[in-house]
Full PDB file with SEQRES, HELIX, SHEET, SSBOND, CRYST1, ORIGX, SCALE, CONECT and MASTER records, all heavy atoms in Angstrom:
SEQRES   1 A   38  VAL LEU GLY VAL SER ARG ARG THR ASN PRO ALA GLY PRO          
SEQRES   2 A   38  ASP LEU GLY GLY LEU ARG LEU LYS ALA GLY ASP SER LEU          
SEQRES   3 A   38  TRP VAL ALA GLY SER ARG GLU ALA LEU GLN SER LEU              
HELIX    1 AA1 ARG A   32  SER A   37  1                                   6    
SHEET    1 AA1 2 GLY A   3  SER A   5  0                                        
SHEET    2 AA1 2 SER A  25  TRP A  27 -1                                        
CRYST1    1.000    1.000    1.000  90.00  90.00  90.00 P 1           1          
ORIGX1      1.000000  0.000000  0.000000        0.00000                         
ORIGX2      0.000000  1.000000  0.000000        0.00000                         
ORIGX3      0.000000  0.000000  1.000000        0.00000                         
SCALE1      1.000000  0.000000  0.000000        0.00000                         
SCALE2      0.000000  1.000000  0.000000        0.00000                         
SCALE3      0.000000  0.000000  1.000000        0.00000                         
ATOM      1  N   VAL A   1      42.494 107.920  67.565  1.00  0.00           N  
ATOM      2  CA  VAL A   1      43.634 107.429  68.354  1.00  0.00           C  
ATOM      3  C   VAL A   1      43.099 107.299  69.811  1.00  0.00           C  
ATOM      4  O   VAL A   1      42.773 108.298  70.442  1.00  0.00           O  
ATOM      5  CB  VAL A   1      44.845 108.357  68.201  1.00  0.00           C  
ATOM      6  CG1 VAL A   1      45.918 107.705  69.166  1.00  0.00           C  
ATOM      7  CG2 VAL A   1      45.311 108.482  66.822  1.00  0.00           C  
ATOM      8  N   LEU A   2      42.919 105.923  70.216  1.00  0.00           N  
ATOM      9  CA  LEU A   2      42.474 105.755  71.557  1.00  0.00           C  
ATOM     10  C   LEU A   2      43.534 106.024  72.651  1.00  0.00           C  
ATOM     11  O   LEU A   2      43.195 106.520  73.742  1.00  0.00           O  
ATOM     12  CB  LEU A   2      41.939 104.328  71.729  1.00  0.00           C  
ATOM     13  CG  LEU A   2      40.879 103.938  70.802  1.00  0.00           C  
ATOM     14  CD1 LEU A   2      40.552 102.410  71.011  1.00  0.00           C  
ATOM     15  CD2 LEU A   2      39.593 104.739  70.875  1.00  0.00           C  
ATOM     16  N   GLY A   3      44.793 105.681  72.290  1.00  0.00           N  
ATOM     17  CA  GLY A   3      45.799 105.950  73.283  1.00  0.00           C  
ATOM     18  C   GLY A   3      47.213 105.625  72.712  1.00  0.00           C  
ATOM     19  O   GLY A   3      47.371 105.056  71.523  1.00  0.00           O  
ATOM     20  N   VAL A   4      48.228 106.104  73.343  1.00  0.00           N  
ATOM     21  CA  VAL A   4      49.586 105.943  72.928  1.00  0.00           C  
ATOM     22  C   VAL A   4      50.416 105.341  74.065  1.00  0.00           C  
ATOM     23  O   VAL A   4      50.330 105.805  75.252  1.00  0.00           O  
ATOM     24  CB  VAL A   4      50.238 107.148  72.439  1.00  0.00           C  
ATOM     25  CG1 VAL A   4      51.686 107.029  72.043  1.00  0.00           C  
ATOM     26  CG2 VAL A   4      49.387 107.797  71.308  1.00  0.00           C  
ATOM     27  N   SER A   5      51.265 104.367  73.792  1.00  0.00           N  
ATOM     28  CA  SER A   5      52.071 103.790  74.922  1.00  0.00           C  
ATOM     29  C   SER A   5      53.546 103.918  74.387  1.00  0.00           C  
ATOM     30  O   SER A   5      53.873 103.842  73.196  1.00  0.00           O  
ATOM     31  CB  SER A   5      51.732 102.343  75.171  1.00  0.00           C  
ATOM     32  OG  SER A   5      51.927 101.495  74.080  1.00  0.00           O  
ATOM     33  N   ARG A   6      54.422 104.170  75.341  1.00  0.00           N  
ATOM     34  CA  ARG A   6      55.830 104.378  75.116  1.00  0.00           C  
ATOM     35  C   ARG A   6      56.578 103.717  76.211  1.00  0.00           C  
ATOM     36  O   ARG A   6      56.060 103.692  77.355  1.00  0.00           O  
ATOM     37  CB  ARG A   6      56.079 105.889  74.992  1.00  0.00           C  
ATOM     38  CG  ARG A   6      57.481 106.147  74.578  1.00  0.00           C  
ATOM     39  CD  ARG A   6      57.772 107.760  74.540  1.00  0.00           C  
ATOM     40  NE  ARG A   6      56.964 108.288  73.498  1.00  0.00           N  
ATOM     41  CZ  ARG A   6      56.769 109.604  73.290  1.00  0.00           C  
ATOM     42  NH1 ARG A   6      57.317 110.469  74.145  1.00  0.00           N  
ATOM     43  NH2 ARG A   6      56.063 110.145  72.266  1.00  0.00           N  
ATOM     44  N   ARG A   7      57.842 103.207  76.011  1.00  0.00           N  
ATOM     45  CA  ARG A   7      58.518 102.684  77.073  1.00  0.00           C  
ATOM     46  C   ARG A   7      58.734 103.599  78.320  1.00  0.00           C  
ATOM     47  O   ARG A   7      58.698 103.111  79.384  1.00  0.00           O  
ATOM     48  CB  ARG A   7      59.964 102.205  76.513  1.00  0.00           C  
ATOM     49  CG  ARG A   7      59.818 101.023  75.603  1.00  0.00           C  
ATOM     50  CD  ARG A   7      61.159 100.625  75.021  1.00  0.00           C  
ATOM     51  NE  ARG A   7      61.018  99.478  74.042  1.00  0.00           N  
ATOM     52  CZ  ARG A   7      62.021  99.126  73.253  1.00  0.00           C  
ATOM     53  NH1 ARG A   7      63.203  99.743  73.305  1.00  0.00           N  
ATOM     54  NH2 ARG A   7      61.836  98.029  72.470  1.00  0.00           N  
ATOM     55  N   THR A   8      58.938 104.882  78.009  1.00  0.00           N  
ATOM     56  CA  THR A   8      58.886 105.865  79.011  1.00  0.00           C  
ATOM     57  C   THR A   8      57.552 106.577  78.841  1.00  0.00           C  
ATOM     58  O   THR A   8      56.987 106.658  77.743  1.00  0.00           O  
ATOM     59  CB  THR A   8      59.981 106.935  78.834  1.00  0.00           C  
ATOM     60  OG1 THR A   8      59.896 107.467  77.477  1.00  0.00           O  
ATOM     61  CG2 THR A   8      61.388 106.273  78.981  1.00  0.00           C  
ATOM     62  N   ASN A   9      56.997 106.977  79.986  1.00  0.00           N  
ATOM     63  CA  ASN A   9      55.637 107.570  79.864  1.00  0.00           C  
ATOM     64  C   ASN A   9      55.623 108.722  78.933  1.00  0.00           C  
ATOM     65  O   ASN A   9      56.408 109.664  79.037  1.00  0.00           O  
ATOM     66  CB  ASN A   9      55.208 108.051  81.341  1.00  0.00           C  
ATOM     67  CG  ASN A   9      54.808 106.876  82.233  1.00  0.00           C  
ATOM     68  OD1 ASN A   9      54.333 105.912  81.719  1.00  0.00           O  
ATOM     69  ND2 ASN A   9      54.939 107.060  83.521  1.00  0.00           N  
ATOM     70  N   PRO A  10      54.581 108.756  78.024  1.00  0.00           N  
ATOM     71  CA  PRO A  10      54.431 109.809  77.144  1.00  0.00           C  
ATOM     72  C   PRO A  10      54.167 111.119  77.849  1.00  0.00           C  
ATOM     73  O   PRO A  10      53.487 111.189  78.856  1.00  0.00           O  
ATOM     74  CB  PRO A  10      53.232 109.480  76.346  1.00  0.00           C  
ATOM     75  CG  PRO A  10      53.062 108.058  76.442  1.00  0.00           C  
ATOM     76  CD  PRO A  10      53.622 107.680  77.789  1.00  0.00           C  
ATOM     77  N   ALA A  11      54.808 112.273  77.360  1.00  0.00           N  
ATOM     78  CA  ALA A  11      54.793 113.514  78.068  1.00  0.00           C  
ATOM     79  C   ALA A  11      53.485 114.281  78.039  1.00  0.00           C  
ATOM     80  O   ALA A  11      52.977 114.705  79.063  1.00  0.00           O  
ATOM     81  CB  ALA A  11      55.909 114.472  77.512  1.00  0.00           C  
ATOM     82  N   GLY A  12      52.762 114.344  76.974  1.00  0.00           N  
ATOM     83  CA  GLY A  12      51.504 115.147  76.959  1.00  0.00           C  
ATOM     84  C   GLY A  12      51.874 116.496  76.334  1.00  0.00           C  
ATOM     85  O   GLY A  12      52.720 116.637  75.520  1.00  0.00           O  
ATOM     86  N   PRO A  13      51.060 117.550  76.806  1.00  0.00           N  
ATOM     87  CA  PRO A  13      50.212 117.608  78.002  1.00  0.00           C  
ATOM     88  C   PRO A  13      48.930 116.876  77.882  1.00  0.00           C  
ATOM     89  O   PRO A  13      48.237 116.606  78.852  1.00  0.00           O  
ATOM     90  CB  PRO A  13      49.896 119.099  78.202  1.00  0.00           C  
ATOM     91  CG  PRO A  13      49.928 119.642  76.730  1.00  0.00           C  
ATOM     92  CD  PRO A  13      51.063 118.817  76.070  1.00  0.00           C  
ATOM     93  N   ASP A  14      48.598 116.482  76.686  1.00  0.00           N  
ATOM     94  CA  ASP A  14      47.369 115.688  76.483  1.00  0.00           C  
ATOM     95  C   ASP A  14      47.633 114.779  75.314  1.00  0.00           C  
ATOM     96  O   ASP A  14      48.726 114.822  74.719  1.00  0.00           O  
ATOM     97  CB  ASP A  14      46.143 116.551  76.234  1.00  0.00           C  
ATOM     98  CG  ASP A  14      46.364 117.505  75.102  1.00  0.00           C  
ATOM     99  OD1 ASP A  14      47.234 117.403  74.310  1.00  0.00           O  
ATOM    100  OD2 ASP A  14      45.599 118.569  75.081  1.00  0.00           O  
ATOM    101  N   LEU A  15      46.650 114.022  74.898  1.00  0.00           N  
ATOM    102  CA  LEU A  15      46.824 113.077  73.835  1.00  0.00           C  
ATOM    103  C   LEU A  15      47.062 113.741  72.434  1.00  0.00           C  
ATOM    104  O   LEU A  15      47.948 113.406  71.772  1.00  0.00           O  
ATOM    105  CB  LEU A  15      45.652 112.061  73.719  1.00  0.00           C  
ATOM    106  CG  LEU A  15      45.827 110.885  72.798  1.00  0.00           C  
ATOM    107  CD1 LEU A  15      47.034 109.971  73.180  1.00  0.00           C  
ATOM    108  CD2 LEU A  15      44.541 110.025  72.769  1.00  0.00           C  
ATOM    109  N   GLY A  16      46.178 114.675  72.215  1.00  0.00           N  
ATOM    110  CA  GLY A  16      46.325 115.318  70.946  1.00  0.00           C  
ATOM    111  C   GLY A  16      47.741 116.172  70.710  1.00  0.00           C  
ATOM    112  O   GLY A  16      48.269 116.284  69.680  1.00  0.00           O  
ATOM    113  N   GLY A  17      48.297 116.598  71.836  1.00  0.00           N  
ATOM    114  CA  GLY A  17      49.446 117.415  71.876  1.00  0.00           C  
ATOM    115  C   GLY A  17      50.727 116.548  71.993  1.00  0.00           C  
ATOM    116  O   GLY A  17      51.866 117.058  72.061  1.00  0.00           O  
ATOM    117  N   LEU A  18      50.597 115.255  72.021  1.00  0.00           N  
ATOM    118  CA  LEU A  18      51.740 114.323  72.205  1.00  0.00           C  
ATOM    119  C   LEU A  18      52.620 114.283  70.983  1.00  0.00           C  
ATOM    120  O   LEU A  18      52.017 114.123  69.869  1.00  0.00           O  
ATOM    121  CB  LEU A  18      51.212 112.903  72.582  1.00  0.00           C  
ATOM    122  CG  LEU A  18      52.351 111.756  72.582  1.00  0.00           C  
ATOM    123  CD1 LEU A  18      53.212 112.037  73.795  1.00  0.00           C  
ATOM    124  CD2 LEU A  18      51.763 110.419  72.526  1.00  0.00           C  
ATOM    125  N   ARG A  19      53.863 114.480  71.041  1.00  0.00           N  
ATOM    126  CA  ARG A  19      54.738 114.330  69.909  1.00  0.00           C  
ATOM    127  C   ARG A  19      55.255 112.974  69.676  1.00  0.00           C  
ATOM    128  O   ARG A  19      55.807 112.386  70.704  1.00  0.00           O  
ATOM    129  CB  ARG A  19      55.939 115.363  70.005  1.00  0.00           C  
ATOM    130  CG  ARG A  19      55.491 116.765  69.944  1.00  0.00           C  
ATOM    131  CD  ARG A  19      56.679 117.786  69.828  1.00  0.00           C  
ATOM    132  NE  ARG A  19      56.241 119.084  69.819  1.00  0.00           N  
ATOM    133  CZ  ARG A  19      55.892 119.811  68.686  1.00  0.00           C  
ATOM    134  NH1 ARG A  19      55.937 119.124  67.503  1.00  0.00           N  
ATOM    135  NH2 ARG A  19      55.435 120.967  68.690  1.00  0.00           N  
ATOM    136  N   LEU A  20      55.017 112.387  68.591  1.00  0.00           N  
ATOM    137  CA  LEU A  20      55.206 110.960  68.309  1.00  0.00           C  
ATOM    138  C   LEU A  20      56.757 110.729  68.265  1.00  0.00           C  
ATOM    139  O   LEU A  20      57.574 111.514  67.758  1.00  0.00           O  
ATOM    140  CB  LEU A  20      54.656 110.605  67.003  1.00  0.00           C  
ATOM    141  CG  LEU A  20      53.034 110.558  67.026  1.00  0.00           C  
ATOM    142  CD1 LEU A  20      52.451 110.400  65.630  1.00  0.00           C  
ATOM    143  CD2 LEU A  20      52.552 109.534  67.962  1.00  0.00           C  
ATOM    144  N   LYS A  21      57.192 109.531  68.754  1.00  0.00           N  
ATOM    145  CA  LYS A  21      58.507 109.080  68.605  1.00  0.00           C  
ATOM    146  C   LYS A  21      58.612 107.690  68.015  1.00  0.00           C  
ATOM    147  O   LYS A  21      57.598 106.960  68.038  1.00  0.00           O  
ATOM    148  CB  LYS A  21      59.158 109.032  70.055  1.00  0.00           C  
ATOM    149  CG  LYS A  21      59.155 110.308  70.886  1.00  0.00           C  
ATOM    150  CD  LYS A  21      60.029 111.300  70.264  1.00  0.00           C  
ATOM    151  CE  LYS A  21      60.069 112.685  71.110  1.00  0.00           C  
ATOM    152  NZ  LYS A  21      60.942 113.684  70.441  1.00  0.00           N  
ATOM    153  N   ALA A  22      59.739 107.344  67.446  1.00  0.00           N  
ATOM    154  CA  ALA A  22      59.913 106.012  66.994  1.00  0.00           C  
ATOM    155  C   ALA A  22      59.715 104.952  68.047  1.00  0.00           C  
ATOM    156  O   ALA A  22      60.184 105.154  69.137  1.00  0.00           O  
ATOM    157  CB  ALA A  22      61.327 105.875  66.364  1.00  0.00           C  
ATOM    158  N   GLY A  23      58.985 103.909  67.780  1.00  0.00           N  
ATOM    159  CA  GLY A  23      58.694 102.950  68.755  1.00  0.00           C  
ATOM    160  C   GLY A  23      57.379 103.099  69.506  1.00  0.00           C  
ATOM    161  O   GLY A  23      57.055 102.153  70.224  1.00  0.00           O  
ATOM    162  N   ASP A  24      56.712 104.265  69.396  1.00  0.00           N  
ATOM    163  CA  ASP A  24      55.442 104.520  69.945  1.00  0.00           C  
ATOM    164  C   ASP A  24      54.428 103.505  69.454  1.00  0.00           C  
ATOM    165  O   ASP A  24      54.362 103.185  68.259  1.00  0.00           O  
ATOM    166  CB  ASP A  24      54.946 105.952  69.720  1.00  0.00           C  
ATOM    167  CG  ASP A  24      55.669 106.996  70.601  1.00  0.00           C  
ATOM    168  OD1 ASP A  24      56.400 106.544  71.431  1.00  0.00           O  
ATOM    169  OD2 ASP A  24      55.385 108.149  70.405  1.00  0.00           O  
ATOM    170  N   SER A  25      53.555 102.970  70.430  1.00  0.00           N  
ATOM    171  CA  SER A  25      52.421 102.122  69.985  1.00  0.00           C  
ATOM    172  C   SER A  25      51.176 102.946  70.012  1.00  0.00           C  
ATOM    173  O   SER A  25      50.904 103.581  71.085  1.00  0.00           O  
ATOM    174  CB  SER A  25      52.358 100.956  70.917  1.00  0.00           C  
ATOM    175  OG  SER A  25      53.460 100.070  70.774  1.00  0.00           O  
ATOM    176  N   LEU A  26      50.402 102.967  68.905  1.00  0.00           N  
ATOM    177  CA  LEU A  26      49.207 103.656  68.800  1.00  0.00           C  
ATOM    178  C   LEU A  26      48.023 102.704  68.784  1.00  0.00           C  
ATOM    179  O   LEU A  26      48.033 101.755  67.965  1.00  0.00           O  
ATOM    180  CB  LEU A  26      49.086 104.586  67.569  1.00  0.00           C  
ATOM    181  CG  LEU A  26      49.798 106.013  67.695  1.00  0.00           C  
ATOM    182  CD1 LEU A  26      51.242 105.865  67.840  1.00  0.00           C  
ATOM    183  CD2 LEU A  26      49.427 106.754  66.475  1.00  0.00           C  
ATOM    184  N   TRP A  27      47.058 102.899  69.651  1.00  0.00           N  
ATOM    185  CA  TRP A  27      45.871 102.098  69.620  1.00  0.00           C  
ATOM    186  C   TRP A  27      44.788 102.907  68.769  1.00  0.00           C  
ATOM    187  O   TRP A  27      44.418 103.967  69.211  1.00  0.00           O  
ATOM    188  CB  TRP A  27      45.296 101.847  71.024  1.00  0.00           C  
ATOM    189  CG  TRP A  27      46.189 101.030  71.889  1.00  0.00           C  
ATOM    190  CD1 TRP A  27      47.207 101.547  72.788  1.00  0.00           C  
ATOM    191  CD2 TRP A  27      46.509  99.689  71.883  1.00  0.00           C  
ATOM    192  NE1 TRP A  27      47.876 100.558  73.354  1.00  0.00           N  
ATOM    193  CE2 TRP A  27      47.489  99.353  72.894  1.00  0.00           C  
ATOM    194  CE3 TRP A  27      45.877  98.602  71.267  1.00  0.00           C  
ATOM    195  CZ2 TRP A  27      47.960  98.110  73.130  1.00  0.00           C  
ATOM    196  CZ3 TRP A  27      46.284  97.344  71.506  1.00  0.00           C  
ATOM    197  CH2 TRP A  27      47.342  97.016  72.437  1.00  0.00           C  
ATOM    198  N   VAL A  28      44.430 102.384  67.585  1.00  0.00           N  
ATOM    199  CA  VAL A  28      43.591 103.234  66.719  1.00  0.00           C  
ATOM    200  C   VAL A  28      42.352 102.410  66.444  1.00  0.00           C  
ATOM    201  O   VAL A  28      42.282 101.209  66.371  1.00  0.00           O  
ATOM    202  CB  VAL A  28      44.330 103.291  65.377  1.00  0.00           C  
ATOM    203  CG1 VAL A  28      43.618 104.191  64.397  1.00  0.00           C  
ATOM    204  CG2 VAL A  28      45.770 103.910  65.616  1.00  0.00           C  
ATOM    205  N   ALA A  29      41.224 103.213  66.388  1.00  0.00           N  
ATOM    206  CA  ALA A  29      39.826 102.610  66.138  1.00  0.00           C  
ATOM    207  C   ALA A  29      39.336 103.231  64.909  1.00  0.00           C  
ATOM    208  O   ALA A  29      39.376 104.410  64.648  1.00  0.00           O  
ATOM    209  CB  ALA A  29      38.914 102.918  67.356  1.00  0.00           C  
ATOM    210  N   GLY A  30      38.569 102.434  64.163  1.00  0.00           N  
ATOM    211  CA  GLY A  30      37.893 102.902  62.960  1.00  0.00           C  
ATOM    212  C   GLY A  30      37.226 101.756  62.199  1.00  0.00           C  
ATOM    213  O   GLY A  30      37.229 100.645  62.705  1.00  0.00           O  
ATOM    214  N   SER A  31      36.755 102.061  60.976  1.00  0.00           N  
ATOM    215  CA  SER A  31      36.138 100.985  60.278  1.00  0.00           C  
ATOM    216  C   SER A  31      37.235 100.022  59.742  1.00  0.00           C  
ATOM    217  O   SER A  31      38.361 100.352  59.732  1.00  0.00           O  
ATOM    218  CB  SER A  31      35.341 101.566  58.999  1.00  0.00           C  
ATOM    219  OG  SER A  31      36.315 102.150  58.156  1.00  0.00           O  
ATOM    220  N   ARG A  32      36.841  98.816  59.244  1.00  0.00           N  
ATOM    221  CA  ARG A  32      37.792  97.857  58.803  1.00  0.00           C  
ATOM    222  C   ARG A  32      38.466  98.399  57.531  1.00  0.00           C  
ATOM    223  O   ARG A  32      39.707  98.184  57.362  1.00  0.00           O  
ATOM    224  CB  ARG A  32      37.091  96.530  58.455  1.00  0.00           C  
ATOM    225  CG  ARG A  32      37.911  95.559  57.875  1.00  0.00           C  
ATOM    226  CD  ARG A  32      37.265  94.232  57.696  1.00  0.00           C  
ATOM    227  NE  ARG A  32      36.893  93.620  58.937  1.00  0.00           N  
ATOM    228  CZ  ARG A  32      36.242  92.440  59.013  1.00  0.00           C  
ATOM    229  NH1 ARG A  32      35.936  91.735  57.962  1.00  0.00           N  
ATOM    230  NH2 ARG A  32      35.919  92.050  60.269  1.00  0.00           N  
ATOM    231  N   GLU A  33      37.773  99.082  56.712  1.00  0.00           N  
ATOM    232  CA  GLU A  33      38.379  99.724  55.470  1.00  0.00           C  
ATOM    233  C   GLU A  33      39.492 100.791  55.867  1.00  0.00           C  
ATOM    234  O   GLU A  33      40.530 100.729  55.277  1.00  0.00           O  
ATOM    235  CB  GLU A  33      37.304 100.288  54.582  1.00  0.00           C  
ATOM    236  CG  GLU A  33      36.279  99.336  54.021  1.00  0.00           C  
ATOM    237  CD  GLU A  33      35.296  98.862  54.977  1.00  0.00           C  
ATOM    238  OE1 GLU A  33      35.146  99.484  56.072  1.00  0.00           O  
ATOM    239  OE2 GLU A  33      34.630  97.757  54.793  1.00  0.00           O  
ATOM    240  N   ALA A  34      39.087 101.595  56.855  1.00  0.00           N  
ATOM    241  CA  ALA A  34      40.034 102.753  57.263  1.00  0.00           C  
ATOM    242  C   ALA A  34      41.350 102.036  57.901  1.00  0.00           C  
ATOM    243  O   ALA A  34      42.394 102.516  57.640  1.00  0.00           O  
ATOM    244  CB  ALA A  34      39.426 103.600  58.239  1.00  0.00           C  
ATOM    245  N   LEU A  35      41.137 100.994  58.633  1.00  0.00           N  
ATOM    246  CA  LEU A  35      42.344 100.350  59.293  1.00  0.00           C  
ATOM    247  C   LEU A  35      43.213  99.678  58.214  1.00  0.00           C  
ATOM    248  O   LEU A  35      44.386  99.673  58.277  1.00  0.00           O  
ATOM    249  CB  LEU A  35      41.870  99.403  60.410  1.00  0.00           C  
ATOM    250  CG  LEU A  35      41.167  99.999  61.589  1.00  0.00           C  
ATOM    251  CD1 LEU A  35      40.726  98.895  62.543  1.00  0.00           C  
ATOM    252  CD2 LEU A  35      42.256 100.830  62.324  1.00  0.00           C  
ATOM    253  N   GLN A  36      42.569  98.989  57.287  1.00  0.00           N  
ATOM    254  CA  GLN A  36      43.271  98.394  56.199  1.00  0.00           C  
ATOM    255  C   GLN A  36      44.090  99.442  55.387  1.00  0.00           C  
ATOM    256  O   GLN A  36      45.225  99.220  55.036  1.00  0.00           O  
ATOM    257  CB  GLN A  36      42.397  97.628  55.257  1.00  0.00           C  
ATOM    258  CG  GLN A  36      41.839  96.272  55.873  1.00  0.00           C  
ATOM    259  CD  GLN A  36      40.819  95.640  54.938  1.00  0.00           C  
ATOM    260  OE1 GLN A  36      40.332  96.252  54.021  1.00  0.00           O  
ATOM    261  NE2 GLN A  36      40.548  94.286  55.260  1.00  0.00           N  
ATOM    262  N   SER A  37      43.454 100.588  55.144  1.00  0.00           N  
ATOM    263  CA  SER A  37      44.207 101.631  54.463  1.00  0.00           C  
ATOM    264  C   SER A  37      45.414 102.166  55.284  1.00  0.00           C  
ATOM    265  O   SER A  37      46.499 102.463  54.736  1.00  0.00           O  
ATOM    266  CB  SER A  37      43.256 102.767  54.213  1.00  0.00           C  
ATOM    267  OG  SER A  37      43.954 103.897  53.627  1.00  0.00           O  
ATOM    268  N   LEU A  38      45.178 102.115  56.602  1.00  0.00           N  
ATOM    269  CA  LEU A  38      46.259 102.701  57.483  1.00  0.00           C  
ATOM    270  C   LEU A  38      47.491 101.662  57.452  1.00  0.00           C  
ATOM    271  O   LEU A  38      48.685 102.066  57.401  1.00  0.00           O  
ATOM    272  CB  LEU A  38      45.822 102.741  58.889  1.00  0.00           C  
ATOM    273  CG  LEU A  38      46.750 103.183  60.012  1.00  0.00           C  
ATOM    274  CD1 LEU A  38      47.090 104.675  59.757  1.00  0.00           C  
ATOM    275  CD2 LEU A  38      46.141 102.941  61.411  1.00  0.00           C  
TER     276      LEU A  38                                                      
MASTER        0    0    0    1    2    0    0    6  275    1    0    3          
END                                                                             
């Protein structure tokens, strides 16, 4: 997970500790096969 964007700034305290909400956009990196599975 490269980053997360939310209409209001994500709280944190860091990326791994961020609690996901409906509407969050996740920028995800991986192989083509992994992304297709996602």
